[in-house]
Amino acid sequence: MQSKKKTEIEFEHVYADGVGYVMATKNRKSGVFDLQGKQIVACEYDPEFIMQYRMGFRVSKNKKRGIVGKDGAVLIPLIYDDVDPFFESELNEFVKVKSGEKYGILSLKGKMIIPVAFEWIGEENGLLKVLTADKRCGLYEKTGKVIVPANYQWISDSDSRNGNILILKKEDNSYNFLNKN
């Protein structure tokens, strides 16, 4: 990486992420610069590691995390204990958020897709799979619409080659089947 801009020594810590941004700490607050020295994210965040994602940067303030876009605008407000973008191609416009010990899903536009009420949330064939405190599974669409209520002991992809079936098991050992389409 090369930059032709020089700055005065005013930062306590500076590191490059290797793909086009420089994270810096000044007066014990962190921010982000591009390689030309233009500040993208103000130095107003907790001095912990700023993580770069495709859509922006995970930052924290007062021990709460959020995401600031590459234009400096706040995408996900800094009110969560953790934020974790999905890397799967079908879910890359969503962020898993954690508050206390519960998880939910937000869109990058800040719209709540799944409320912060679940023990775990993951991806299952382009759908969002949830787990309740009493270990029940359910499925949501990316719009937040409930596809399968959280009434199942487990939900799994069938092992058949090119199969389009999800298997849903109830606690009484009964099963339901769901076409992925």
C-alpha atoms as a PDB file:
ATOM      1  CA  MET A   1       0.000   0.000   0.000  1.00  0.00           C
ATOM      2  CA  GLN A   2       1.228   3.477  -0.811  1.00  0.00           C
ATOM      3  CA  SER A   3       0.029   6.868   0.185  1.00  0.00           C
ATOM      4  CA  LYS A   4       1.625  10.153  -0.762  1.00  0.00           C
ATOM      5  CA  LYS A   5       0.076  12.043   2.131  1.00  0.00           C
ATOM      6  CA  LYS A   6       2.128  12.563   5.282  1.00  0.00           C
ATOM      7  CA  THR A   7       0.657  13.554   8.605  1.00  0.00           C
ATOM      8  CA  GLU A   8       2.089  14.894  11.824  1.00  0.00           C
ATOM      9  CA  ILE A   9       2.630  12.343  14.563  1.00  0.00           C
ATOM     10  CA  GLU A  10      -0.606  12.729  16.451  1.00  0.00           C
ATOM     11  CA  PHE A  11      -1.844   9.173  16.847  1.00  0.00           C
ATOM     12  CA  GLU A  12      -1.171   6.663  19.618  1.00  0.00           C
ATOM     13  CA  HIS A  13      -1.752   3.642  17.420  1.00  0.00           C
ATOM     14  CA  VAL A  14      -2.115   3.179  13.667  1.00  0.00           C
ATOM     15  CA  TYR A  15      -2.585   0.012  11.643  1.00  0.00           C
ATOM     16  CA  ALA A  16      -3.585  -0.756   8.070  1.00  0.00           C
ATOM     17  CA  ASP A  17      -6.131  -3.480   7.389  1.00  0.00           C
ATOM     18  CA  GLY A  18      -4.403  -4.545   4.175  1.00  0.00           C
ATOM     19  CA  VAL A  19      -7.304  -3.711   1.857  1.00  0.00           C
ATOM     20  CA  GLY A  20      -7.546   0.052   1.752  1.00  0.00           C
ATOM     21  CA  TYR A  21      -8.181   1.496   5.207  1.00  0.00           C
ATOM     22  CA  VAL A  22      -6.131   2.697   8.144  1.00  0.00           C
ATOM     23  CA  MET A  23      -7.449   2.444  11.676  1.00  0.00           C
ATOM     24  CA  ALA A  24      -6.029   5.012  14.086  1.00  0.00           C
ATOM     25  CA  THR A  25      -6.297   5.896  17.765  1.00  0.00           C
ATOM     26  CA  LYS A  26      -6.004   9.494  18.938  1.00  0.00           C
ATOM     27  CA  ASN A  27      -6.644  10.646  22.509  1.00  0.00           C
ATOM     28  CA  ARG A  28      -7.721   7.066  23.309  1.00  0.00           C
ATOM     29  CA  LYS A  29     -10.488   7.131  20.693  1.00  0.00           C
ATOM     30  CA  SER A  30     -10.411   5.184  17.405  1.00  0.00           C
ATOM     31  CA  GLY A  31     -11.436   6.040  13.856  1.00  0.00           C
ATOM     32  CA  VAL A  32     -10.825   5.077  10.224  1.00  0.00           C
ATOM     33  CA  PHE A  33      -9.006   6.786   7.330  1.00  0.00           C
ATOM     34  CA  ASP A  34      -8.624   5.863   3.681  1.00  0.00           C
ATOM     35  CA  LEU A  35      -5.145   5.496   2.166  1.00  0.00           C
ATOM     36  CA  GLN A  36      -5.189   9.114   0.994  1.00  0.00           C
ATOM     37  CA  GLY A  37      -5.550  10.292   4.600  1.00  0.00           C
ATOM     38  CA  LYS A  38      -9.235  11.253   4.378  1.00  0.00           C
ATOM     39  CA  GLN A  39     -11.051  10.505   7.619  1.00  0.00           C
ATOM     40  CA  ILE A  40     -14.035   8.221   7.042  1.00  0.00           C
ATOM     41  CA  VAL A  41     -15.006   7.372  10.611  1.00  0.00           C
ATOM     42  CA  ALA A  42     -14.398  10.031  13.261  1.00  0.00           C
ATOM     43  CA  CYS A  43     -12.008   9.208  16.120  1.00  0.00           C
ATOM     44  CA  GLU A  44     -14.795   8.936  18.679  1.00  0.00           C
ATOM     45  CA  TYR A  45     -15.062   5.198  19.259  1.00  0.00           C
ATOM     46  CA  ASP A  46     -13.667   2.871  21.924  1.00  0.00           C
ATOM     47  CA  PRO A  47     -10.007   2.063  21.270  1.00  0.00           C
ATOM     48  CA  GLU A  48     -10.583  -1.596  20.512  1.00  0.00           C
ATOM     49  CA  PHE A  49     -10.008  -3.356  17.239  1.00  0.00           C
ATOM     50  CA  ILE A  50     -12.250  -1.871  14.531  1.00  0.00           C
ATOM     51  CA  MET A  51     -13.395  -4.704  12.274  1.00  0.00           C
ATOM     52  CA  GLN A  52     -13.974  -4.027   8.597  1.00  0.00           C
ATOM     53  CA  TYR A  53     -16.850  -5.745   6.822  1.00  0.00           C
ATOM     54  CA  ARG A  54     -18.123  -5.443   3.266  1.00  0.00           C
ATOM     55  CA  MET A  55     -20.678  -2.806   4.283  1.00  0.00           C
ATOM     56  CA  GLY A  56     -18.597  -0.838   6.770  1.00  0.00           C
ATOM     57  CA  PHE A  57     -16.879  -1.037  10.123  1.00  0.00           C
ATOM     58  CA  ARG A  58     -17.886  -2.610  13.425  1.00  0.00           C
ATOM     59  CA  VAL A  59     -17.179  -0.032  16.102  1.00  0.00           C
ATOM     60  CA  SER A  60     -17.990   0.321  19.777  1.00  0.00           C
ATOM     61  CA  LYS A  61     -18.757   3.189  22.088  1.00  0.00           C
ATOM     62  CA  ASN A  62     -19.224   2.784  25.831  1.00  0.00           C
ATOM     63  CA  LYS A  63     -18.911  -0.998  25.336  1.00  0.00           C
ATOM     64  CA  LYS A  64     -21.873  -1.108  22.912  1.00  0.00           C
ATOM     65  CA  ARG A  65     -21.347  -2.101  19.280  1.00  0.00           C
ATOM     66  CA  GLY A  66     -22.797  -1.044  15.962  1.00  0.00           C
ATOM     67  CA  ILE A  67     -21.792  -0.619  12.327  1.00  0.00           C
ATOM     68  CA  VAL A  68     -20.680   2.566  10.608  1.00  0.00           C
ATOM     69  CA  GLY A  69     -20.809   2.567   6.806  1.00  0.00           C
ATOM     70  CA  LYS A  70     -17.847   3.318   4.569  1.00  0.00           C
ATOM     71  CA  ASP A  71     -19.309   6.794   4.095  1.00  0.00           C
ATOM     72  CA  GLY A  72     -19.266   7.442   7.875  1.00  0.00           C
ATOM     73  CA  ALA A  73     -23.046   7.057   8.358  1.00  0.00           C
ATOM     74  CA  VAL A  74     -24.284   4.860  11.210  1.00  0.00           C
ATOM     75  CA  LEU A  75     -25.932   1.755   9.689  1.00  0.00           C
ATOM     76  CA  ILE A  76     -26.582  -0.185  12.898  1.00  0.00           C
ATOM     77  CA  PRO A  77     -26.900   1.950  16.057  1.00  0.00           C
ATOM     78  CA  LEU A  78     -24.375   1.376  18.844  1.00  0.00           C
ATOM     79  CA  ILE A  79     -26.848  -0.146  21.307  1.00  0.00           C
ATOM     80  CA  TYR A  80     -25.958  -3.848  21.077  1.00  0.00           C
ATOM     81  CA  ASP A  81     -23.546  -6.047  22.993  1.00  0.00           C
ATOM     82  CA  ASP A  82     -22.367  -7.479  19.684  1.00  0.00           C
ATOM     83  CA  VAL A  83     -23.065  -7.249  15.953  1.00  0.00           C
ATOM     84  CA  ASP A  84     -22.125  -9.886  13.403  1.00  0.00           C
ATOM     85  CA  PRO A  85     -22.833  -9.574   9.670  1.00  0.00           C
ATOM     86  CA  PHE A  86     -23.719 -12.683   7.729  1.00  0.00           C
ATOM     87  CA  PHE A  87     -21.207 -13.667   5.061  1.00  0.00           C
ATOM     88  CA  GLU A  88     -23.499 -16.016   3.137  1.00  0.00           C
ATOM     89  CA  SER A  89     -24.413 -14.472  -0.200  1.00  0.00           C
ATOM     90  CA  GLU A  90     -28.174 -14.604   0.328  1.00  0.00           C
ATOM     91  CA  LEU A  91     -27.991 -12.983   3.772  1.00  0.00           C
ATOM     92  CA  ASN A  92     -25.309 -10.350   3.272  1.00  0.00           C
ATOM     93  CA  GLU A  93     -27.773  -7.489   3.794  1.00  0.00           C
ATOM     94  CA  PHE A  94     -28.458  -8.619   7.371  1.00  0.00           C
ATOM     95  CA  VAL A  95     -26.703  -8.366  10.711  1.00  0.00           C
ATOM     96  CA  LYS A  96     -27.121 -10.634  13.726  1.00  0.00           C
ATOM     97  CA  VAL A  97     -27.292  -8.505  16.883  1.00  0.00           C
ATOM     98  CA  LYS A  98     -26.883  -9.565  20.496  1.00  0.00           C
ATOM     99  CA  SER A  99     -28.361  -7.856  23.527  1.00  0.00           C
ATOM    100  CA  GLY A 100     -27.637  -9.557  26.833  1.00  0.00           C
ATOM    101  CA  GLU A 101     -27.800 -13.249  25.958  1.00  0.00           C
ATOM    102  CA  LYS A 102     -30.445 -12.908  23.218  1.00  0.00           C
ATOM    103  CA  TYR A 103     -30.073 -12.566  19.449  1.00  0.00           C
ATOM    104  CA  GLY A 104     -32.085 -10.908  16.699  1.00  0.00           C
ATOM    105  CA  ILE A 105     -31.646  -9.872  13.057  1.00  0.00           C
ATOM    106  CA  LEU A 106     -31.552  -6.357  11.579  1.00  0.00           C
ATOM    107  CA  SER A 107     -31.366  -5.287   7.964  1.00  0.00           C
ATOM    108  CA  LEU A 108     -28.552  -2.899   7.060  1.00  0.00           C
ATOM    109  CA  LYS A 109     -31.252  -0.242   6.819  1.00  0.00           C
ATOM    110  CA  GLY A 110     -31.846  -0.664  10.563  1.00  0.00           C
ATOM    111  CA  LYS A 111     -35.180  -2.498  10.205  1.00  0.00           C
ATOM    112  CA  MET A 112     -35.785  -5.214  12.820  1.00  0.00           C
ATOM    113  CA  ILE A 113     -36.325  -8.464  10.897  1.00  0.00           C
ATOM    114  CA  ILE A 114     -36.350 -10.902  13.838  1.00  0.00           C
ATOM    115  CA  PRO A 115     -36.773  -9.538  17.382  1.00  0.00           C
ATOM    116  CA  VAL A 116     -33.924  -9.858  19.870  1.00  0.00           C
ATOM    117  CA  ALA A 117     -35.476 -12.804  21.693  1.00  0.00           C
ATOM    118  CA  PHE A 118     -33.622 -15.979  20.663  1.00  0.00           C
ATOM    119  CA  GLU A 119     -30.800 -18.053  22.120  1.00  0.00           C
ATOM    120  CA  TRP A 120     -29.231 -18.592  18.695  1.00  0.00           C
ATOM    121  CA  ILE A 121     -29.862 -17.608  15.069  1.00  0.00           C
ATOM    122  CA  GLY A 122     -28.205 -19.086  11.989  1.00  0.00           C
ATOM    123  CA  GLU A 123     -28.723 -19.652   8.289  1.00  0.00           C
ATOM    124  CA  GLU A 124     -30.480 -22.700   6.821  1.00  0.00           C
ATOM    125  CA  ASN A 125     -30.814 -22.761   3.020  1.00  0.00           C
ATOM    126  CA  GLY A 126     -31.343 -19.020   2.677  1.00  0.00           C
ATOM    127  CA  LEU A 127     -33.742 -18.936   5.634  1.00  0.00           C
ATOM    128  CA  LEU A 128     -33.070 -17.780   9.184  1.00  0.00           C
ATOM    129  CA  LYS A 129     -33.174 -20.599  11.727  1.00  0.00           C
ATOM    130  CA  VAL A 130     -33.902 -19.642  15.350  1.00  0.00           C
ATOM    131  CA  LEU A 131     -33.537 -21.468  18.657  1.00  0.00           C
ATOM    132  CA  THR A 132     -35.602 -20.547  21.722  1.00  0.00           C
ATOM    133  CA  ALA A 133     -34.551 -20.766  25.383  1.00  0.00           C
ATOM    134  CA  ASP A 134     -36.418 -24.079  25.699  1.00  0.00           C
ATOM    135  CA  LYS A 135     -34.458 -25.450  22.686  1.00  0.00           C
ATOM    136  CA  ARG A 136     -37.196 -25.197  20.051  1.00  0.00           C
ATOM    137  CA  CYS A 137     -36.319 -24.459  16.411  1.00  0.00           C
ATOM    138  CA  GLY A 138     -38.191 -22.367  13.864  1.00  0.00           C
ATOM    139  CA  LEU A 139     -37.599 -20.723  10.475  1.00  0.00           C
ATOM    140  CA  TYR A 140     -38.054 -17.143   9.245  1.00  0.00           C
ATOM    141  CA  GLU A 141     -37.888 -15.607   5.782  1.00  0.00           C
ATOM    142  CA  LYS A 142     -35.519 -12.705   5.160  1.00  0.00           C
ATOM    143  CA  THR A 143     -38.551 -10.418   5.360  1.00  0.00           C
ATOM    144  CA  GLY A 144     -39.203 -11.475   8.965  1.00  0.00           C
ATOM    145  CA  LYS A 145     -42.203 -13.623   8.043  1.00  0.00           C
ATOM    146  CA  VAL A 146     -42.444 -16.805  10.129  1.00  0.00           C
ATOM    147  CA  ILE A 147     -42.224 -19.853   7.862  1.00  0.00           C
ATOM    148  CA  VAL A 148     -42.127 -22.463  10.628  1.00  0.00           C
ATOM    149  CA  PRO A 149     -42.971 -21.484  14.213  1.00  0.00           C
ATOM    150  CA  ALA A 150     -40.373 -22.397  16.851  1.00  0.00           C
ATOM    151  CA  ASN A 151     -42.125 -25.623  17.856  1.00  0.00           C
ATOM    152  CA  TYR A 152     -39.611 -28.204  16.621  1.00  0.00           C
ATOM    153  CA  GLN A 153     -36.900 -30.170  18.393  1.00  0.00           C
ATOM    154  CA  TRP A 154     -34.680 -29.783  15.341  1.00  0.00           C
ATOM    155  CA  ILE A 155     -34.771 -28.788  11.698  1.00  0.00           C
ATOM    156  CA  SER A 156     -32.348 -30.302   9.240  1.00  0.00           C
ATOM    157  CA  ASP A 157     -31.631 -30.504   5.544  1.00  0.00           C
ATOM    158  CA  SER A 158     -32.383 -33.911   4.015  1.00  0.00           C
ATOM    159  CA  ASP A 159     -29.315 -35.910   3.053  1.00  0.00           C
ATOM    160  CA  SER A 160     -30.671 -36.779  -0.367  1.00  0.00           C
ATOM    161  CA  ARG A 161     -28.696 -35.565  -3.372  1.00  0.00           C
ATOM    162  CA  ASN A 162     -30.308 -32.482  -4.922  1.00  0.00           C
ATOM    163  CA  GLY A 163     -33.163 -32.834  -2.433  1.00  0.00           C
ATOM    164  CA  ASN A 164     -35.438 -29.891  -1.709  1.00  0.00           C
ATOM    165  CA  ILE A 165     -36.742 -31.135   1.620  1.00  0.00           C
ATOM    166  CA  LEU A 166     -36.173 -29.935   5.163  1.00  0.00           C
ATOM    167  CA  ILE A 167     -36.967 -32.384   7.961  1.00  0.00           C
ATOM    168  CA  LEU A 168     -38.679 -31.009  11.057  1.00  0.00           C
ATOM    169  CA  LYS A 169     -38.779 -33.185  14.184  1.00  0.00           C
ATOM    170  CA  LYS A 170     -41.197 -32.663  17.049  1.00  0.00           C
ATOM    171  CA  GLU A 171     -40.452 -33.757  20.597  1.00  0.00           C
ATOM    172  CA  ASP A 172     -43.002 -36.597  20.389  1.00  0.00           C
ATOM    173  CA  ASN A 173     -40.852 -38.146  17.605  1.00  0.00           C
ATOM    174  CA  SER A 174     -43.256 -37.102  14.883  1.00  0.00           C
ATOM    175  CA  TYR A 175     -41.870 -35.472  11.745  1.00  0.00           C
ATOM    176  CA  ASN A 176     -42.963 -32.888   9.233  1.00  0.00           C
ATOM    177  CA  PHE A 177     -41.365 -32.173   5.881  1.00  0.00           C
ATOM    178  CA  LEU A 178     -40.985 -28.792   4.220  1.00  0.00           C
ATOM    179  CA  ASN A 179     -40.207 -28.112   0.593  1.00  0.00           C
ATOM    180  CA  LYS A 180     -37.291 -25.598   0.558  1.00  0.00           C
ATOM    181  CA  ASN A 181     -38.954 -23.718  -2.259  1.00  0.00           C
END
